[in-house]
Amino acid sequence: MSLKLLNTFIILLIALQSNSQQVKFHQEWLDNPAKYSSEIEDVFTGDTLRAFQKEEYKTFTILENGYAKSQIKNTADWKGIPSGFYADTIIFVYTQYPKNINFWLTNYHTLLAQRLKNLFKLSSDLNNEHTVYKILLQTDCDTDDEAKKMFHGIAIHLAPIKSEFAKQQENIIKQQVYDDSLKNTKHSDQNTIATRKINSFIANNGGITDSVVYKIFSRHPEWDNCLVIMDWTGSMYPYGAQAVLWHSLNLKQSGIKYFVFFNDGNMEKRKKIGKTRGVYFEKAENINKIIGLLSKVKAKGNGGDPEENDVEAILKGIQKYPDFKNLILIADNNSCMRDYCLTKYIKVPVKVVLCGTYSGINPQYINLAYKTKGSIHTIEDDISDFYNRTNTDATFMIDGSEYRYDARRDLFEYLTKPDKDDPHFCEPFYKKKKCKCENLNY
């Protein structure tokens, strides 16, 4: 073989390798969904919500199928995947009607397989091993007519392909978790089993795509005697579970003493400030009970609304476990606190660990930290100098977003206020009538 021909062969081989990717759904599965139903289901994570609202998914491409249909009605809305991006999350939206899937008139697995086929006709790159696939079941329907009026389709979110540096940083965290697991294996078989269960829970709920919580706890070994309050709704499962994982891997050094999980009311439709409920408690010393609680609170529901009952959970956690030193809130940056007006009853600093800050820090959490003399913690930064910024009219930057302090309202806000459809638009929750938390002695 000539040198020129050899070089051509090598170039072609490299091109083929670089363009190849592993798929999550094999064609044989999609052609035989009854036979491979368990394999298809294992790819998906599942969750419930009251009703899917398109306006809450502005960063997604929304493709509509219709009730019990598999064809995509609005294929023109799909603009393809730009260079340097990939689909990091794809959500299939159904209604949970009838409540028992065995009574569905349309075969669930056949419908899902056909919807996948039609999706991959738009772009085979959507069948990607790096994509997280989710199924959302809407629950706010009790009749066939109500179910037909709800949205049924697919939501696709694109994200930049990570640079080699970002991948290296993420691999360092994963390697650290793995190394820590090996260390603990030598000391406690029981703890090894617990760690495996937590890792399994995380893997089944989207995996660690953002190690913010693990990273923050790792860089703050000085946090001791901690009361950890965590949002346990929807996309927050992999984040909150990182705190449990970190605790499991560092039992002797961990400063976590208590866990509080909240799910914004166990899917109750009518929610009152301070009486939303869905708050669960467990001492950190019993790791097996904590692991059991992860699934229990999830099974009770994910709240169903964009806003959450963070402050109610904080106040009830303080009352349940008053002998703590550090209070840590693991919060969804892209949800408002429905009960922010209860902040006046918090008499201790709140360390706010924020998840999902890719589009700027939600000012409502800055105000929670400011009002309680606490702090904000992101994957890269620890921010606690809000008090120094109240003496000037100057604007300032945090993580690429511009903020200002409004002296009249005694609140921090974006320099450019978000519109009403933005998940960071939390104005309706700053002032509420009848703002009091039940069964609490202030």
Protein backbone atom coordinates (compact mmCIF):
# COMPACT_ATOMS: atom_id res chain seq x y z
CA MET A 1 0.00 0.00 0.00
CA SER A 2 1.44 3.38 -0.96
CA LEU A 3 2.11 6.01 1.71
CA LYS A 4 -0.46 8.33 0.11
CA LEU A 5 -3.13 5.62 0.11
CA LEU A 6 -2.29 4.68 3.71
CA ASN A 7 -2.67 8.30 4.85
CA THR A 8 -6.05 8.53 3.10
CA PHE A 9 -7.21 5.33 4.84
CA ILE A 10 -6.12 6.65 8.26
CA ILE A 11 -7.93 9.97 7.71
CA LEU A 12 -11.14 8.14 6.75
CA LEU A 13 -10.86 5.85 9.77
CA ILE A 14 -10.41 8.81 12.14
CA ALA A 15 -13.39 10.58 10.56
CA LEU A 16 -15.59 7.52 10.99
CA GLN A 17 -14.54 7.14 14.64
CA SER A 18 -15.10 10.80 15.46
CA ASN A 19 -18.58 10.79 13.92
CA SER A 20 -19.70 7.57 15.61
CA GLN A 21 -21.66 7.68 18.82
CA GLN A 22 -23.29 5.17 21.08
CA VAL A 23 -27.08 5.14 21.01
CA LYS A 24 -29.39 4.53 23.96
CA PHE A 25 -32.25 3.02 21.99
CA HIS A 26 -31.36 0.17 19.66
CA GLN A 27 -33.46 -0.23 16.52
CA GLU A 28 -34.40 -3.77 17.52
CA TRP A 29 -35.93 -2.41 20.74
CA LEU A 30 -38.03 0.15 18.89
CA ASP A 31 -39.19 -2.44 16.35
CA ASN A 32 -40.21 -4.88 19.11
CA PRO A 33 -41.36 -2.70 22.07
CA ALA A 34 -43.37 -5.48 23.73
CA LYS A 35 -40.32 -7.75 23.85
CA TYR A 36 -37.90 -4.99 24.95
CA SER A 37 -40.24 -2.95 27.16
CA SER A 38 -38.01 -3.25 30.23
CA GLU A 39 -34.88 -2.19 28.27
CA ILE A 40 -36.70 0.90 26.95
CA GLU A 41 -38.11 1.81 30.37
CA ASP A 42 -34.69 1.50 32.02
CA VAL A 43 -33.39 4.36 29.87
CA PHE A 44 -35.98 6.79 31.24
CA THR A 45 -36.30 8.53 34.57
CA GLY A 46 -39.86 9.29 35.63
CA ASP A 47 -41.67 12.09 37.41
CA THR A 48 -45.14 13.57 37.83
CA LEU A 49 -46.56 17.08 37.74
CA ARG A 50 -50.06 18.51 37.75
CA ALA A 51 -49.96 19.97 34.25
CA PHE A 52 -47.24 20.70 31.71
CA GLN A 53 -47.06 24.43 30.91
CA LYS A 54 -45.14 25.31 27.74
CA GLU A 55 -44.27 28.79 29.03
CA GLU A 56 -42.27 27.24 31.86
CA TYR A 57 -40.00 25.50 29.33
CA LYS A 58 -38.92 28.51 27.28
CA THR A 59 -35.41 27.16 26.74
CA PHE A 60 -36.79 23.90 25.26
CA THR A 61 -37.97 23.09 21.75
CA ILE A 62 -41.54 21.86 22.18
CA LEU A 63 -42.83 19.23 19.73
CA GLU A 64 -46.48 18.23 19.90
CA ASN A 65 -47.89 14.74 19.32
CA GLY A 66 -51.42 15.05 20.63
CA TYR A 67 -53.38 12.67 22.82
CA ALA A 68 -52.47 9.01 22.08
CA LYS A 69 -50.78 10.08 18.81
CA SER A 70 -47.20 9.44 17.69
CA GLN A 71 -46.76 11.75 14.70
CA ILE A 72 -45.09 15.10 15.39
CA LYS A 73 -47.44 17.90 14.34
CA ASN A 74 -44.99 20.81 14.26
CA THR A 75 -41.81 19.39 12.72
CA ALA A 76 -41.03 22.85 11.28
CA ASP A 77 -40.30 24.08 14.83
CA TRP A 78 -37.30 21.76 14.99
CA LYS A 79 -34.29 23.74 13.75
CA GLY A 80 -31.72 21.01 14.25
CA ILE A 81 -28.73 20.87 16.59
CA PRO A 82 -26.25 23.74 16.07
CA SER A 83 -22.55 23.02 15.87
CA GLY A 84 -21.02 22.73 19.34
CA PHE A 85 -24.30 21.69 21.01
CA TYR A 86 -26.07 18.45 21.90
CA ALA A 87 -29.44 17.47 23.37
CA ASP A 88 -28.74 17.11 27.09
CA THR A 89 -32.38 16.46 28.10
CA ILE A 90 -35.39 15.09 26.23
CA ILE A 91 -38.75 14.92 28.04
CA PHE A 92 -41.73 12.87 26.88
CA VAL A 93 -44.99 14.28 28.29
CA TYR A 94 -48.01 12.05 28.90
CA THR A 95 -51.13 12.20 31.05
CA GLN A 96 -51.61 9.68 33.81
CA TYR A 97 -55.10 8.74 32.71
CA PRO A 98 -56.40 6.25 33.50
CA LYS A 99 -54.30 6.21 36.66
CA ASN A 100 -53.50 2.53 36.13
CA ILE A 101 -51.37 2.18 32.99
CA ASN A 102 -52.78 -1.32 32.40
CA PHE A 103 -56.15 0.27 31.58
CA TRP A 104 -54.80 2.57 28.85
CA LEU A 105 -56.62 2.02 25.56
CA THR A 106 -53.41 2.68 23.60
CA ASN A 107 -50.50 0.34 24.35
CA TYR A 108 -48.02 2.47 26.26
CA HIS A 109 -44.82 0.79 25.04
CA THR A 110 -45.92 0.74 21.41
CA LEU A 111 -46.83 4.44 21.53
CA LEU A 112 -43.56 5.37 23.23
CA ALA A 113 -41.49 3.39 20.71
CA GLN A 114 -43.28 5.01 17.78
CA ARG A 115 -42.79 8.48 19.26
CA LEU A 116 -39.08 7.71 19.64
CA LYS A 117 -38.87 6.55 16.03
CA ASN A 118 -40.54 9.72 14.77
CA LEU A 119 -38.26 11.84 16.93
CA PHE A 120 -35.13 10.18 15.60
CA LYS A 121 -36.38 10.73 12.04
CA LEU A 122 -35.94 14.44 12.74
CA SER A 123 -32.35 13.85 13.83
CA SER A 124 -30.56 10.59 14.57
CA ASP A 125 -28.25 12.61 16.86
CA LEU A 126 -31.09 12.77 19.38
CA ASN A 127 -30.52 9.05 20.04
CA ASN A 128 -27.42 9.78 22.09
CA GLU A 129 -25.84 8.01 25.05
CA HIS A 130 -25.09 11.38 26.67
CA THR A 131 -28.73 12.54 26.65
CA VAL A 132 -30.94 12.23 29.73
CA TYR A 133 -34.42 10.94 28.77
CA LYS A 134 -37.37 11.65 31.07
CA ILE A 135 -41.06 10.86 31.16
CA LEU A 136 -43.42 13.37 32.79
CA LEU A 137 -46.89 12.13 33.75
CA GLN A 138 -49.51 14.86 34.19
CA THR A 139 -51.91 14.09 37.00
CA ASP A 140 -54.44 16.94 36.90
CA CYS A 141 -57.07 15.02 34.92
CA ASP A 142 -59.87 12.71 36.01
CA THR A 143 -61.78 12.22 32.77
CA ASP A 144 -61.01 11.36 29.16
CA ASP A 145 -62.05 14.85 28.01
CA GLU A 146 -59.73 16.53 30.55
CA ALA A 147 -56.82 14.35 29.44
CA LYS A 148 -57.38 15.16 25.75
CA LYS A 149 -57.13 18.91 26.45
CA MET A 150 -53.68 18.59 28.03
CA PHE A 151 -50.36 18.78 26.22
CA HIS A 152 -48.84 15.56 24.86
CA GLY A 153 -45.49 15.67 23.20
CA ILE A 154 -41.73 16.06 23.54
CA ALA A 155 -39.55 18.82 25.02
CA ILE A 156 -35.90 19.01 23.92
CA HIS A 157 -33.19 21.02 25.66
CA LEU A 158 -29.86 21.76 23.98
CA ALA A 159 -26.63 22.52 25.84
CA PRO A 160 -23.08 23.38 24.79
CA ILE A 161 -20.75 20.42 24.44
CA LYS A 162 -18.37 20.58 27.37
CA SER A 163 -14.82 21.65 26.71
CA GLU A 164 -12.05 19.21 27.51
CA PHE A 165 -11.24 21.32 30.58
CA ALA A 166 -14.83 21.10 31.86
CA LYS A 167 -14.84 17.35 31.25
CA GLN A 168 -11.58 17.00 33.15
CA GLN A 169 -13.02 18.93 36.11
CA GLU A 170 -16.15 16.78 36.14
CA ASN A 171 -14.04 13.61 35.91
CA ILE A 172 -11.98 14.78 38.88
CA ILE A 173 -15.16 14.98 40.97
CA LYS A 174 -16.35 11.57 39.78
CA GLN A 175 -12.92 10.07 40.46
CA GLN A 176 -12.95 11.64 43.92
CA VAL A 177 -16.34 10.05 44.61
CA TYR A 178 -15.00 6.71 43.37
CA ASP A 179 -11.81 6.97 45.45
CA ASP A 180 -13.82 7.91 48.52
CA SER A 181 -16.04 4.88 47.91
CA LEU A 182 -12.97 2.62 47.90
CA LYS A 183 -11.71 4.12 51.16
CA ASN A 184 -15.04 3.51 52.86
CA THR A 185 -15.20 -0.05 51.55
CA LYS A 186 -12.29 -0.92 53.83
CA HIS A 187 -14.06 0.44 56.88
CA SER A 188 -17.70 -0.48 56.63
CA ASP A 189 -19.50 -3.01 54.43
CA GLN A 190 -22.81 -1.55 55.56
CA ASN A 191 -21.77 1.91 54.45
CA THR A 192 -20.60 0.50 51.09
CA ILE A 193 -24.06 -0.92 50.49
CA ALA A 194 -25.62 2.42 51.45
CA THR A 195 -23.31 4.27 49.05
CA ARG A 196 -24.25 1.92 46.22
CA LYS A 197 -27.94 2.53 46.90
CA ILE A 198 -27.47 6.29 46.77
CA ASN A 199 -25.42 6.06 43.57
CA SER A 200 -28.15 3.88 42.07
CA PHE A 201 -30.82 6.41 43.06
CA ILE A 202 -28.83 9.23 41.43
CA ALA A 203 -28.22 7.19 38.26
CA ASN A 204 -31.94 6.39 37.97
CA ASN A 205 -32.84 10.07 38.31
CA GLY A 206 -30.63 11.62 35.67
CA GLY A 207 -27.13 11.08 37.06
CA ILE A 208 -24.60 13.68 38.22
CA THR A 209 -24.42 16.13 35.34
CA ASP A 210 -23.62 19.00 37.71
CA SER A 211 -21.65 18.19 40.89
CA VAL A 212 -22.36 21.54 42.58
CA VAL A 213 -23.62 20.13 45.91
CA TYR A 214 -20.86 17.54 46.31
CA LYS A 215 -18.25 20.15 45.41
CA ILE A 216 -19.56 22.72 47.92
CA PHE A 217 -19.63 20.27 50.82
CA SER A 218 -16.13 19.09 49.89
CA ARG A 219 -14.71 22.62 50.02
CA HIS A 220 -16.38 23.41 53.36
CA PRO A 221 -15.18 20.75 55.82
CA GLU A 222 -15.54 23.41 58.55
CA TRP A 223 -19.35 23.20 58.34
CA ASP A 224 -20.28 21.15 61.40
CA ASN A 225 -23.43 20.31 63.33
CA CYS A 226 -25.44 21.05 60.19
CA LEU A 227 -29.18 21.08 59.63
CA VAL A 228 -29.59 20.45 55.88
CA ILE A 229 -32.91 21.49 54.31
CA MET A 230 -33.36 20.32 50.73
CA ASP A 231 -35.82 20.81 47.91
CA TRP A 232 -36.96 17.30 46.98
CA THR A 233 -38.97 18.00 43.83
CA GLY A 234 -38.48 17.01 40.18
CA SER A 235 -35.07 17.88 38.79
CA MET A 236 -33.63 18.44 42.29
CA TYR A 237 -33.32 14.72 43.11
CA PRO A 238 -29.75 14.28 41.75
CA TYR A 239 -28.67 17.48 43.53
CA GLY A 240 -30.07 16.70 46.97
CA ALA A 241 -28.88 13.11 46.76
CA GLN A 242 -25.33 14.43 46.33
CA ALA A 243 -25.50 15.76 49.90
CA VAL A 244 -26.58 12.31 51.12
CA LEU A 245 -23.83 10.71 49.03
CA TRP A 246 -21.18 13.08 50.40
CA HIS A 247 -22.38 12.35 53.94
CA SER A 248 -22.28 8.59 53.32
CA LEU A 249 -18.72 8.77 51.96
CA ASN A 250 -17.51 10.96 54.82
CA LEU A 251 -19.39 9.65 57.84
CA LYS A 252 -16.55 10.22 60.30
CA GLN A 253 -15.79 13.73 59.08
CA SER A 254 -19.26 14.81 57.95
CA GLY A 255 -20.73 17.73 59.82
CA ILE A 256 -24.29 16.93 58.75
CA LYS A 257 -26.45 16.11 61.75
CA TYR A 258 -30.01 16.37 60.42
CA PHE A 259 -31.80 16.18 57.06
CA VAL A 260 -35.12 17.82 56.13
CA PHE A 261 -36.76 17.08 52.75
CA PHE A 262 -39.66 19.10 51.34
CA ASN A 263 -41.80 18.42 48.26
CA ASP A 264 -44.20 21.38 48.29
CA GLY A 265 -47.30 19.75 49.64
CA ASN A 266 -47.49 16.11 48.51
CA MET A 267 -49.21 17.10 45.24
CA GLU A 268 -52.05 18.87 47.06
CA LYS A 269 -53.79 21.30 44.71
CA ARG A 270 -54.71 23.96 47.27
CA LYS A 271 -51.70 25.36 49.07
CA LYS A 272 -51.60 27.95 51.83
CA ILE A 273 -48.58 29.92 52.95
CA GLY A 274 -47.08 28.20 55.99
CA LYS A 275 -49.46 25.25 55.64
CA THR A 276 -48.24 23.74 52.38
CA ARG A 277 -46.71 20.72 54.17
CA GLY A 278 -44.87 17.83 52.55
CA VAL A 279 -41.93 18.28 54.96
CA TYR A 280 -40.04 15.19 56.20
CA PHE A 281 -37.31 14.78 58.81
CA GLU A 282 -34.51 12.32 59.63
CA LYS A 283 -31.36 12.27 61.74
CA ALA A 284 -28.20 11.91 59.66
CA GLU A 285 -26.78 9.12 61.82
CA ASN A 286 -29.19 6.55 60.33
CA ILE A 287 -28.07 6.40 56.70
CA ASN A 288 -30.44 3.55 55.78
CA LYS A 289 -33.48 5.48 57.01
CA ILE A 290 -32.34 8.49 55.00
CA ILE A 291 -32.05 6.37 51.85
CA GLY A 292 -35.54 5.01 52.44
CA LEU A 293 -36.82 8.55 52.87
CA LEU A 294 -35.44 9.60 49.46
CA SER A 295 -37.89 7.35 47.64
CA LYS A 296 -40.71 7.87 50.13
CA VAL A 297 -40.79 11.65 49.75
CA LYS A 298 -40.46 11.33 45.97
CA ALA A 299 -43.40 8.92 45.89
CA LYS A 300 -45.50 11.43 47.86
CA GLY A 301 -45.18 13.85 44.94
CA ASN A 302 -43.05 16.59 43.47
CA GLY A 303 -45.29 19.48 44.45
CA GLY A 304 -46.71 20.10 40.99
CA ASP A 305 -46.12 23.88 41.01
CA PRO A 306 -43.09 25.92 39.88
CA GLU A 307 -42.78 27.64 43.27
CA GLU A 308 -41.78 25.80 46.48
CA ASN A 309 -42.23 25.98 50.26
CA ASP A 310 -38.56 26.49 51.19
CA VAL A 311 -39.12 28.80 54.15
CA GLU A 312 -41.83 26.66 55.75
CA ALA A 313 -39.39 23.73 55.59
CA ILE A 314 -36.64 25.85 57.17
CA LEU A 315 -38.87 26.96 60.04
CA LYS A 316 -40.19 23.46 60.71
CA GLY A 317 -36.66 22.06 60.53
CA ILE A 318 -35.47 24.61 63.10
CA GLN A 319 -38.33 23.70 65.41
CA LYS A 320 -37.75 19.95 65.00
CA TYR A 321 -33.96 20.09 65.47
CA PRO A 322 -33.05 23.29 67.38
CA ASP A 323 -29.56 22.12 68.47
CA PHE A 324 -27.75 22.84 65.18
CA LYS A 325 -24.92 25.25 64.38
CA ASN A 326 -25.13 25.70 60.58
CA LEU A 327 -28.33 25.81 58.53
CA ILE A 328 -27.91 24.86 54.87
CA LEU A 329 -30.65 25.15 52.24
CA ILE A 330 -30.17 23.19 49.01
CA ALA A 331 -32.44 25.13 46.65
CA ASP A 332 -33.63 25.14 43.05
CA ASN A 333 -32.43 28.44 41.63
CA ASN A 334 -35.14 28.25 38.97
CA SER A 335 -38.06 28.07 41.40
CA CYS A 336 -39.49 30.89 43.48
CA MET A 337 -40.18 30.57 47.19
CA ARG A 338 -43.95 30.80 47.52
CA ASP A 339 -43.54 31.58 51.24
CA TYR A 340 -40.73 34.15 51.13
CA CYS A 341 -42.86 36.42 53.36
CA LEU A 342 -42.11 34.01 56.25
CA THR A 343 -38.41 34.93 56.08
CA LYS A 344 -38.92 37.46 58.90
CA TYR A 345 -39.33 34.53 61.31
CA ILE A 346 -35.92 33.02 60.52
CA LYS A 347 -33.50 34.14 63.24
CA VAL A 348 -30.37 32.30 62.06
CA PRO A 349 -28.12 32.71 58.99
CA VAL A 350 -29.08 30.56 56.01
CA LYS A 351 -26.32 29.18 53.80
CA VAL A 352 -28.03 28.81 50.41
CA VAL A 353 -26.54 26.14 48.12
CA LEU A 354 -27.95 27.02 44.70
CA CYS A 355 -28.49 24.48 41.91
CA GLY A 356 -29.08 25.40 38.27
CA THR A 357 -27.51 28.88 38.18
CA TYR A 358 -26.61 28.74 34.48
CA SER A 359 -28.92 31.70 33.71
CA GLY A 360 -28.01 33.88 36.68
CA ILE A 361 -28.70 33.77 40.40
CA ASN A 362 -32.35 34.22 41.32
CA PRO A 363 -32.50 37.49 43.37
CA GLN A 364 -35.03 35.96 45.76
CA TYR A 365 -32.31 33.69 47.16
CA ILE A 366 -29.89 36.62 47.42
CA ASN A 367 -32.57 38.34 49.51
CA LEU A 368 -33.06 35.26 51.68
CA ALA A 369 -29.31 35.21 52.39
CA TYR A 370 -29.23 38.99 52.90
CA LYS A 371 -32.19 39.10 55.28
CA THR A 372 -30.90 36.22 57.42
CA LYS A 373 -27.24 37.40 57.35
CA GLY A 374 -26.39 34.20 55.49
CA SER A 375 -24.55 33.43 52.25
CA ILE A 376 -24.92 32.11 48.69
CA HIS A 377 -22.87 29.15 47.45
CA THR A 378 -22.47 28.15 43.79
CA ILE A 379 -20.18 25.60 42.14
CA GLU A 380 -17.40 28.20 41.96
CA ASP A 381 -18.17 30.94 44.50
CA ASP A 382 -19.12 31.67 48.11
CA ILE A 383 -20.87 35.04 48.31
CA SER A 384 -21.66 36.81 51.57
CA ASP A 385 -20.87 40.51 51.07
CA PHE A 386 -24.42 41.63 50.23
CA TYR A 387 -24.48 43.90 53.26
CA ASN A 388 -21.59 45.99 51.90
CA ARG A 389 -23.54 46.60 48.70
CA THR A 390 -26.48 48.32 50.40
CA ASN A 391 -24.49 51.53 50.97
CA THR A 392 -24.18 52.42 47.30
CA ASP A 393 -26.44 52.94 44.31
CA ALA A 394 -23.93 51.27 42.01
CA THR A 395 -24.85 48.12 40.15
CA PHE A 396 -22.71 45.00 40.52
CA MET A 397 -22.09 41.67 38.80
CA ILE A 398 -22.50 38.14 40.19
CA ASP A 399 -21.76 35.18 37.95
CA GLY A 400 -22.26 37.23 34.79
CA SER A 401 -25.60 38.84 35.76
CA GLU A 402 -26.07 42.48 36.81
CA TYR A 403 -27.90 43.41 40.02
CA ARG A 404 -28.75 46.46 42.09
CA TYR A 405 -29.98 47.19 45.59
CA ASP A 406 -33.36 48.92 45.93
CA ALA A 407 -33.13 50.93 49.16
CA ARG A 408 -36.85 51.74 49.16
CA ARG A 409 -37.82 48.06 49.19
CA ASP A 410 -34.67 46.89 51.00
CA LEU A 411 -34.26 44.16 48.38
CA PHE A 412 -31.77 43.10 45.73
CA GLU A 413 -33.05 42.74 42.17
CA TYR A 414 -31.87 42.26 38.59
CA LEU A 415 -30.86 45.51 36.89
CA THR A 416 -33.20 44.49 34.07
CA LYS A 417 -36.28 42.94 35.60
CA PRO A 418 -37.33 39.55 34.15
CA ASP A 419 -40.71 39.22 32.46
CA LYS A 420 -43.57 37.33 34.07
CA ASP A 421 -42.79 34.09 32.22
CA ASP A 422 -39.22 33.94 33.53
CA PRO A 423 -38.70 31.39 36.36
CA HIS A 424 -36.76 34.12 38.21
CA PHE A 425 -39.80 36.44 38.28
CA CYS A 426 -40.71 36.13 41.95
CA GLU A 427 -42.39 39.49 42.63
CA PRO A 428 -45.80 37.97 43.53
CA PHE A 429 -44.21 36.10 46.45
CA TYR A 430 -42.57 39.00 48.30
CA LYS A 431 -45.79 40.21 49.91
CA LYS A 432 -48.57 37.90 51.02
CA LYS A 433 -51.52 38.37 53.32
CA LYS A 434 -52.05 35.90 56.18
CA CYS A 435 -48.34 35.17 56.24
CA LYS A 436 -47.87 32.83 59.18
CA CYS A 437 -46.58 29.29 59.58
CA GLU A 438 -48.84 26.83 61.39
CA ASN A 439 -47.87 25.11 64.66
CA LEU A 440 -44.71 27.18 65.18
CA ASN A 441 -43.70 29.06 68.28
CA TYR A 442 -41.78 32.11 67.16
